[in-house]
N, C-alpha and C. Protein backbone atom coordinates (compact mmCIF):
# COMPACT_ATOMS: atom_id res chain seq x y z
N UNK A 1 -75.69 -123.37 166.81
CA UNK A 1 -75.03 -124.23 165.85
C UNK A 1 -74.06 -123.39 165.04
N UNK A 2 -72.85 -123.88 164.90
CA UNK A 2 -71.84 -123.17 164.16
C UNK A 2 -71.56 -123.89 162.85
N UNK A 3 -71.29 -123.11 161.82
CA UNK A 3 -70.97 -123.66 160.51
C UNK A 3 -69.51 -123.34 160.21
N UNK A 4 -68.75 -124.33 159.82
CA UNK A 4 -67.36 -124.12 159.46
C UNK A 4 -67.28 -123.91 157.95
N UNK A 5 -66.49 -122.91 157.52
CA UNK A 5 -66.36 -122.59 156.10
C UNK A 5 -64.96 -122.92 155.62
N UNK A 6 -64.88 -123.32 154.36
CA UNK A 6 -63.61 -123.59 153.70
C UNK A 6 -63.46 -122.58 152.58
N UNK A 7 -62.34 -121.87 152.56
CA UNK A 7 -62.11 -120.88 151.51
C UNK A 7 -61.53 -121.58 150.29
N UNK A 8 -62.14 -121.33 149.13
CA UNK A 8 -61.64 -121.86 147.86
C UNK A 8 -61.15 -120.68 147.03
N UNK A 9 -60.71 -120.96 145.81
CA UNK A 9 -60.21 -119.89 144.94
C UNK A 9 -61.32 -118.93 144.55
N UNK A 10 -62.58 -119.37 144.58
CA UNK A 10 -63.67 -118.53 144.08
C UNK A 10 -64.61 -118.06 145.18
N UNK A 11 -64.75 -118.81 146.27
CA UNK A 11 -65.72 -118.42 147.29
C UNK A 11 -65.45 -119.19 148.58
N UNK A 12 -66.18 -118.80 149.62
CA UNK A 12 -66.16 -119.56 150.86
C UNK A 12 -67.34 -120.52 150.82
N UNK A 13 -67.07 -121.78 151.09
CA UNK A 13 -68.09 -122.82 150.99
C UNK A 13 -68.19 -123.51 152.33
N UNK A 14 -69.42 -123.85 152.73
CA UNK A 14 -69.60 -124.59 153.97
C UNK A 14 -68.82 -125.89 153.88
N UNK A 15 -68.14 -126.26 154.96
CA UNK A 15 -67.25 -127.42 154.95
C UNK A 15 -67.96 -128.70 154.55
N UNK A 16 -69.23 -128.85 154.95
CA UNK A 16 -69.94 -130.08 154.60
C UNK A 16 -70.19 -130.19 153.09
N UNK A 17 -70.23 -129.06 152.39
CA UNK A 17 -70.45 -129.07 150.95
C UNK A 17 -69.14 -129.06 150.16
N UNK A 18 -68.02 -128.79 150.83
CA UNK A 18 -66.74 -128.70 150.12
C UNK A 18 -66.37 -130.04 149.49
N UNK A 19 -66.64 -131.14 150.19
CA UNK A 19 -66.32 -132.45 149.63
C UNK A 19 -67.19 -132.75 148.42
N UNK A 20 -68.45 -132.35 148.46
CA UNK A 20 -69.35 -132.57 147.33
C UNK A 20 -68.94 -131.74 146.13
N UNK A 21 -68.47 -130.52 146.37
CA UNK A 21 -68.07 -129.64 145.28
C UNK A 21 -66.81 -130.17 144.59
N UNK A 22 -65.95 -130.86 145.34
CA UNK A 22 -64.72 -131.38 144.75
C UNK A 22 -64.97 -132.57 143.84
N UNK A 23 -66.05 -133.30 144.08
CA UNK A 23 -66.36 -134.47 143.24
C UNK A 23 -66.93 -134.00 141.91
N UNK A 24 -66.48 -134.59 140.79
CA UNK A 24 -66.99 -134.17 139.49
C UNK A 24 -68.45 -134.58 139.31
N UNK A 25 -69.23 -133.69 138.74
CA UNK A 25 -70.63 -134.02 138.48
C UNK A 25 -70.73 -134.83 137.20
N UNK A 26 -71.79 -135.64 137.04
CA UNK A 26 -71.92 -136.44 135.82
C UNK A 26 -72.01 -135.60 134.55
N UNK A 27 -72.70 -134.45 134.62
CA UNK A 27 -72.80 -133.62 133.42
C UNK A 27 -71.46 -133.02 133.05
N UNK A 28 -70.65 -132.70 134.05
CA UNK A 28 -69.32 -132.14 133.77
C UNK A 28 -68.44 -133.20 133.10
N UNK A 29 -68.55 -134.45 133.54
CA UNK A 29 -67.75 -135.52 132.94
C UNK A 29 -68.13 -135.73 131.48
N UNK A 30 -69.42 -135.65 131.17
CA UNK A 30 -69.87 -135.80 129.78
C UNK A 30 -69.35 -134.66 128.93
N UNK A 31 -69.43 -133.44 129.46
CA UNK A 31 -68.94 -132.27 128.74
C UNK A 31 -67.45 -132.39 128.49
N UNK A 32 -66.70 -132.86 129.48
CA UNK A 32 -65.26 -133.01 129.31
C UNK A 32 -64.94 -134.05 128.25
N UNK A 33 -65.71 -135.15 128.18
CA UNK A 33 -65.46 -136.15 127.15
C UNK A 33 -65.72 -135.57 125.77
N UNK A 34 -66.75 -134.75 125.63
CA UNK A 34 -67.04 -134.13 124.34
C UNK A 34 -65.93 -133.18 123.93
N UNK A 35 -65.39 -132.44 124.88
CA UNK A 35 -64.35 -131.47 124.57
C UNK A 35 -63.04 -132.13 124.17
N UNK A 36 -62.79 -133.33 124.66
CA UNK A 36 -61.54 -134.01 124.35
C UNK A 36 -61.40 -134.25 122.85
N UNK A 37 -62.50 -134.30 122.13
CA UNK A 37 -62.44 -134.53 120.70
C UNK A 37 -61.81 -133.35 119.96
N UNK A 38 -61.99 -132.13 120.50
CA UNK A 38 -61.53 -130.96 119.77
C UNK A 38 -60.49 -130.13 120.50
N UNK A 39 -60.41 -130.22 121.81
CA UNK A 39 -59.51 -129.36 122.56
C UNK A 39 -58.25 -130.09 122.97
N UNK A 40 -57.19 -129.34 123.19
CA UNK A 40 -55.92 -129.90 123.63
C UNK A 40 -55.99 -130.11 125.13
N UNK A 41 -55.56 -131.26 125.60
CA UNK A 41 -55.48 -131.47 127.04
C UNK A 41 -54.22 -130.78 127.55
N UNK A 42 -54.26 -130.38 128.81
CA UNK A 42 -53.12 -129.68 129.39
C UNK A 42 -51.93 -130.63 129.51
N UNK A 43 -50.79 -130.20 129.03
CA UNK A 43 -49.58 -131.02 129.08
C UNK A 43 -48.93 -130.86 130.44
N UNK A 44 -48.28 -131.89 130.96
CA UNK A 44 -47.57 -131.76 132.23
C UNK A 44 -46.46 -130.73 132.11
N UNK A 45 -46.14 -130.11 133.22
CA UNK A 45 -45.11 -129.06 133.22
C UNK A 45 -43.74 -129.62 132.85
N UNK A 46 -43.50 -130.87 133.14
CA UNK A 46 -42.20 -131.46 132.84
C UNK A 46 -42.03 -131.78 131.36
N UNK A 47 -43.12 -131.83 130.61
CA UNK A 47 -43.03 -132.16 129.19
C UNK A 47 -42.37 -131.02 128.42
N UNK A 48 -41.76 -131.36 127.31
CA UNK A 48 -41.10 -130.35 126.47
C UNK A 48 -42.14 -129.39 125.91
N UNK A 49 -41.84 -128.12 125.95
CA UNK A 49 -42.77 -127.12 125.46
C UNK A 49 -42.75 -127.08 123.94
N UNK A 50 -43.94 -127.10 123.35
CA UNK A 50 -44.08 -127.02 121.90
C UNK A 50 -44.27 -125.55 121.55
N UNK A 51 -43.56 -125.03 120.55
CA UNK A 51 -43.73 -123.62 120.21
C UNK A 51 -45.16 -123.36 119.72
N UNK A 52 -45.72 -122.25 120.20
CA UNK A 52 -47.09 -121.88 119.85
C UNK A 52 -47.07 -120.51 119.19
N UNK A 53 -47.77 -120.39 118.09
CA UNK A 53 -47.86 -119.11 117.38
C UNK A 53 -49.33 -118.84 117.13
N UNK A 54 -49.83 -117.69 117.62
CA UNK A 54 -51.23 -117.32 117.47
C UNK A 54 -51.35 -116.08 116.61
N UNK A 55 -52.21 -116.13 115.62
CA UNK A 55 -52.46 -115.00 114.72
C UNK A 55 -53.95 -114.68 114.73
N UNK A 56 -54.28 -113.40 114.94
CA UNK A 56 -55.67 -112.96 114.99
C UNK A 56 -56.05 -112.33 113.65
N UNK A 57 -57.23 -112.63 113.17
CA UNK A 57 -57.70 -112.12 111.88
C UNK A 57 -58.35 -110.76 112.05
N UNK A 58 -58.12 -109.88 111.07
CA UNK A 58 -58.79 -108.58 111.11
C UNK A 58 -60.25 -108.71 110.64
N UNK A 59 -60.57 -109.77 109.90
CA UNK A 59 -61.95 -110.04 109.46
C UNK A 59 -62.34 -111.45 109.89
N UNK A 60 -63.31 -111.58 110.79
CA UNK A 60 -63.74 -112.91 111.19
C UNK A 60 -64.44 -113.63 110.05
N UNK A 61 -64.35 -114.94 110.05
CA UNK A 61 -65.01 -115.76 109.04
C UNK A 61 -66.32 -116.28 109.62
N UNK A 62 -67.47 -115.94 109.01
CA UNK A 62 -68.75 -116.45 109.53
C UNK A 62 -68.85 -117.97 109.32
N UNK A 63 -69.23 -118.68 110.38
CA UNK A 63 -69.45 -120.12 110.34
C UNK A 63 -70.87 -120.40 110.77
N UNK A 64 -71.28 -121.64 110.70
CA UNK A 64 -72.65 -122.01 111.07
C UNK A 64 -72.95 -121.70 112.54
N UNK A 65 -71.98 -121.92 113.43
CA UNK A 65 -72.23 -121.73 114.85
C UNK A 65 -71.58 -120.50 115.45
N UNK A 66 -70.95 -119.66 114.66
CA UNK A 66 -70.28 -118.49 115.20
C UNK A 66 -69.32 -117.91 114.19
N UNK A 67 -68.19 -117.41 114.68
CA UNK A 67 -67.20 -116.78 113.83
C UNK A 67 -65.81 -117.32 114.13
N UNK A 68 -65.04 -117.62 113.10
CA UNK A 68 -63.64 -117.98 113.27
C UNK A 68 -62.85 -116.67 113.36
N UNK A 69 -62.10 -116.50 114.44
CA UNK A 69 -61.44 -115.21 114.68
C UNK A 69 -59.92 -115.28 114.74
N UNK A 70 -59.35 -116.49 114.89
CA UNK A 70 -57.89 -116.58 115.02
C UNK A 70 -57.41 -117.96 114.62
N UNK A 71 -56.10 -118.04 114.36
CA UNK A 71 -55.43 -119.31 114.07
C UNK A 71 -54.31 -119.49 115.07
N UNK A 72 -54.08 -120.74 115.46
CA UNK A 72 -52.98 -121.04 116.37
C UNK A 72 -52.26 -122.27 115.85
N UNK A 73 -50.95 -122.13 115.70
CA UNK A 73 -50.14 -123.27 115.30
C UNK A 73 -49.41 -123.78 116.52
N UNK A 74 -49.68 -125.02 116.87
CA UNK A 74 -49.04 -125.66 118.01
C UNK A 74 -48.37 -126.92 117.49
N UNK A 75 -47.06 -126.85 117.34
CA UNK A 75 -46.33 -127.96 116.74
C UNK A 75 -46.73 -128.09 115.28
N UNK A 76 -47.22 -129.27 114.90
CA UNK A 76 -47.66 -129.46 113.51
C UNK A 76 -49.17 -129.41 113.37
N UNK A 77 -49.88 -128.99 114.43
CA UNK A 77 -51.34 -128.89 114.38
C UNK A 77 -51.78 -127.45 114.23
N UNK A 78 -52.85 -127.25 113.47
CA UNK A 78 -53.43 -125.92 113.29
C UNK A 78 -54.78 -125.88 113.96
N UNK A 79 -54.98 -124.89 114.83
CA UNK A 79 -56.21 -124.72 115.60
C UNK A 79 -56.91 -123.44 115.16
N UNK A 80 -58.21 -123.40 115.30
CA UNK A 80 -59.01 -122.23 114.94
C UNK A 80 -59.80 -121.79 116.18
N UNK A 81 -59.76 -120.48 116.48
CA UNK A 81 -60.55 -119.94 117.58
C UNK A 81 -61.93 -119.59 117.04
N UNK A 82 -62.96 -120.14 117.68
CA UNK A 82 -64.34 -119.89 117.27
C UNK A 82 -65.04 -119.14 118.39
N UNK A 83 -65.60 -117.99 118.03
CA UNK A 83 -66.40 -117.21 118.99
C UNK A 83 -67.86 -117.48 118.65
N UNK A 84 -68.56 -118.10 119.58
CA UNK A 84 -69.98 -118.39 119.38
C UNK A 84 -70.77 -117.10 119.50
N UNK A 85 -71.90 -117.04 118.86
CA UNK A 85 -72.74 -115.83 118.92
C UNK A 85 -73.16 -115.57 120.37
N UNK A 86 -72.87 -114.37 120.85
CA UNK A 86 -73.24 -113.98 122.20
C UNK A 86 -72.21 -114.33 123.26
N UNK A 87 -71.21 -115.16 122.96
CA UNK A 87 -70.21 -115.54 123.95
C UNK A 87 -68.95 -114.73 123.74
N UNK A 88 -68.35 -114.32 124.85
CA UNK A 88 -67.12 -113.56 124.77
C UNK A 88 -65.88 -114.45 124.63
N UNK A 89 -65.73 -115.52 125.43
CA UNK A 89 -64.52 -116.33 125.26
C UNK A 89 -64.57 -117.15 123.98
N UNK A 90 -63.40 -117.50 123.49
CA UNK A 90 -63.33 -118.30 122.27
C UNK A 90 -63.06 -119.75 122.63
N UNK A 91 -63.43 -120.64 121.72
CA UNK A 91 -63.14 -122.07 121.86
C UNK A 91 -62.16 -122.45 120.76
N UNK A 92 -61.14 -123.22 121.11
CA UNK A 92 -60.14 -123.63 120.13
C UNK A 92 -60.48 -125.02 119.62
N UNK A 93 -60.56 -125.17 118.30
CA UNK A 93 -60.87 -126.44 117.65
C UNK A 93 -59.83 -126.72 116.57
N UNK A 94 -59.62 -127.99 116.28
CA UNK A 94 -58.73 -128.34 115.18
C UNK A 94 -59.30 -127.77 113.88
N UNK A 95 -58.44 -127.26 113.03
CA UNK A 95 -58.88 -126.60 111.80
C UNK A 95 -59.65 -127.54 110.90
N UNK A 96 -59.24 -128.80 110.80
CA UNK A 96 -59.94 -129.72 109.90
C UNK A 96 -61.33 -130.09 110.40
N UNK A 97 -61.61 -129.85 111.68
CA UNK A 97 -62.94 -130.11 112.23
C UNK A 97 -63.88 -128.95 111.91
N UNK A 98 -63.35 -127.74 111.92
CA UNK A 98 -64.19 -126.54 111.80
C UNK A 98 -64.28 -126.01 110.37
N UNK A 99 -63.19 -126.06 109.62
CA UNK A 99 -63.14 -125.45 108.29
C UNK A 99 -62.94 -126.48 107.20
N UNK A 100 -63.52 -126.19 106.05
CA UNK A 100 -63.18 -126.96 104.85
C UNK A 100 -61.95 -126.30 104.23
N UNK A 101 -61.30 -126.97 103.31
CA UNK A 101 -60.13 -126.37 102.67
C UNK A 101 -60.53 -125.15 101.86
N UNK A 102 -61.71 -125.18 101.28
CA UNK A 102 -62.17 -124.03 100.50
C UNK A 102 -62.43 -122.81 101.39
N UNK A 103 -63.04 -123.04 102.56
CA UNK A 103 -63.26 -121.94 103.51
C UNK A 103 -61.92 -121.36 103.98
N UNK A 104 -60.97 -122.23 104.27
CA UNK A 104 -59.67 -121.79 104.76
C UNK A 104 -58.95 -120.95 103.71
N UNK A 105 -58.99 -121.39 102.44
CA UNK A 105 -58.34 -120.63 101.37
C UNK A 105 -59.00 -119.27 101.17
N UNK A 106 -60.32 -119.24 101.22
CA UNK A 106 -61.04 -117.98 101.07
C UNK A 106 -60.75 -117.02 102.21
N UNK A 107 -60.71 -117.54 103.43
CA UNK A 107 -60.43 -116.70 104.60
C UNK A 107 -59.01 -116.17 104.54
N UNK A 108 -58.07 -117.00 104.13
CA UNK A 108 -56.67 -116.57 104.04
C UNK A 108 -56.48 -115.48 102.99
N UNK A 109 -57.27 -115.53 101.90
CA UNK A 109 -57.11 -114.53 100.86
C UNK A 109 -57.78 -113.20 101.22
N UNK A 110 -58.83 -113.23 102.05
CA UNK A 110 -59.57 -112.01 102.39
C UNK A 110 -59.09 -111.31 103.65
N UNK A 111 -58.55 -112.06 104.60
CA UNK A 111 -58.21 -111.47 105.91
C UNK A 111 -56.70 -111.33 106.06
N UNK A 112 -56.33 -110.37 106.91
CA UNK A 112 -54.93 -110.23 107.33
C UNK A 112 -54.81 -110.82 108.72
N UNK A 113 -53.75 -111.56 108.96
CA UNK A 113 -53.53 -112.19 110.27
C UNK A 113 -52.33 -111.55 110.92
N UNK A 114 -52.51 -111.12 112.18
CA UNK A 114 -51.45 -110.47 112.92
C UNK A 114 -51.33 -111.06 114.31
N UNK A 115 -50.10 -111.11 114.87
CA UNK A 115 -49.96 -111.59 116.24
C UNK A 115 -50.64 -110.64 117.23
N UNK A 116 -51.02 -111.18 118.34
CA UNK A 116 -51.73 -110.36 119.36
C UNK A 116 -50.85 -109.29 119.93
């Protein structure tokens, strides 16, 4: 018996499982719906590019679920990068969802922000 493999970007997968892997799982769909509340969806390539400015803090701000480590201005929206405890990648959330105005003012007065 021979098994046919399909090469993907990450691994070689048996052809019979390739179709199953392409279908979204129910847990992934739920996670994606939750993320839509705070994350930016990818804009089409044909859409006009909005200027993005990212500034990294020299002092992270401790939060309940991790640390705020950077600010990103995309158009008229302000985003905050949150590094969860133990996780290396950051998650970008709208500033008004993550920070109070008092926390933001305190962080701005204590930390220096520099471009990457």
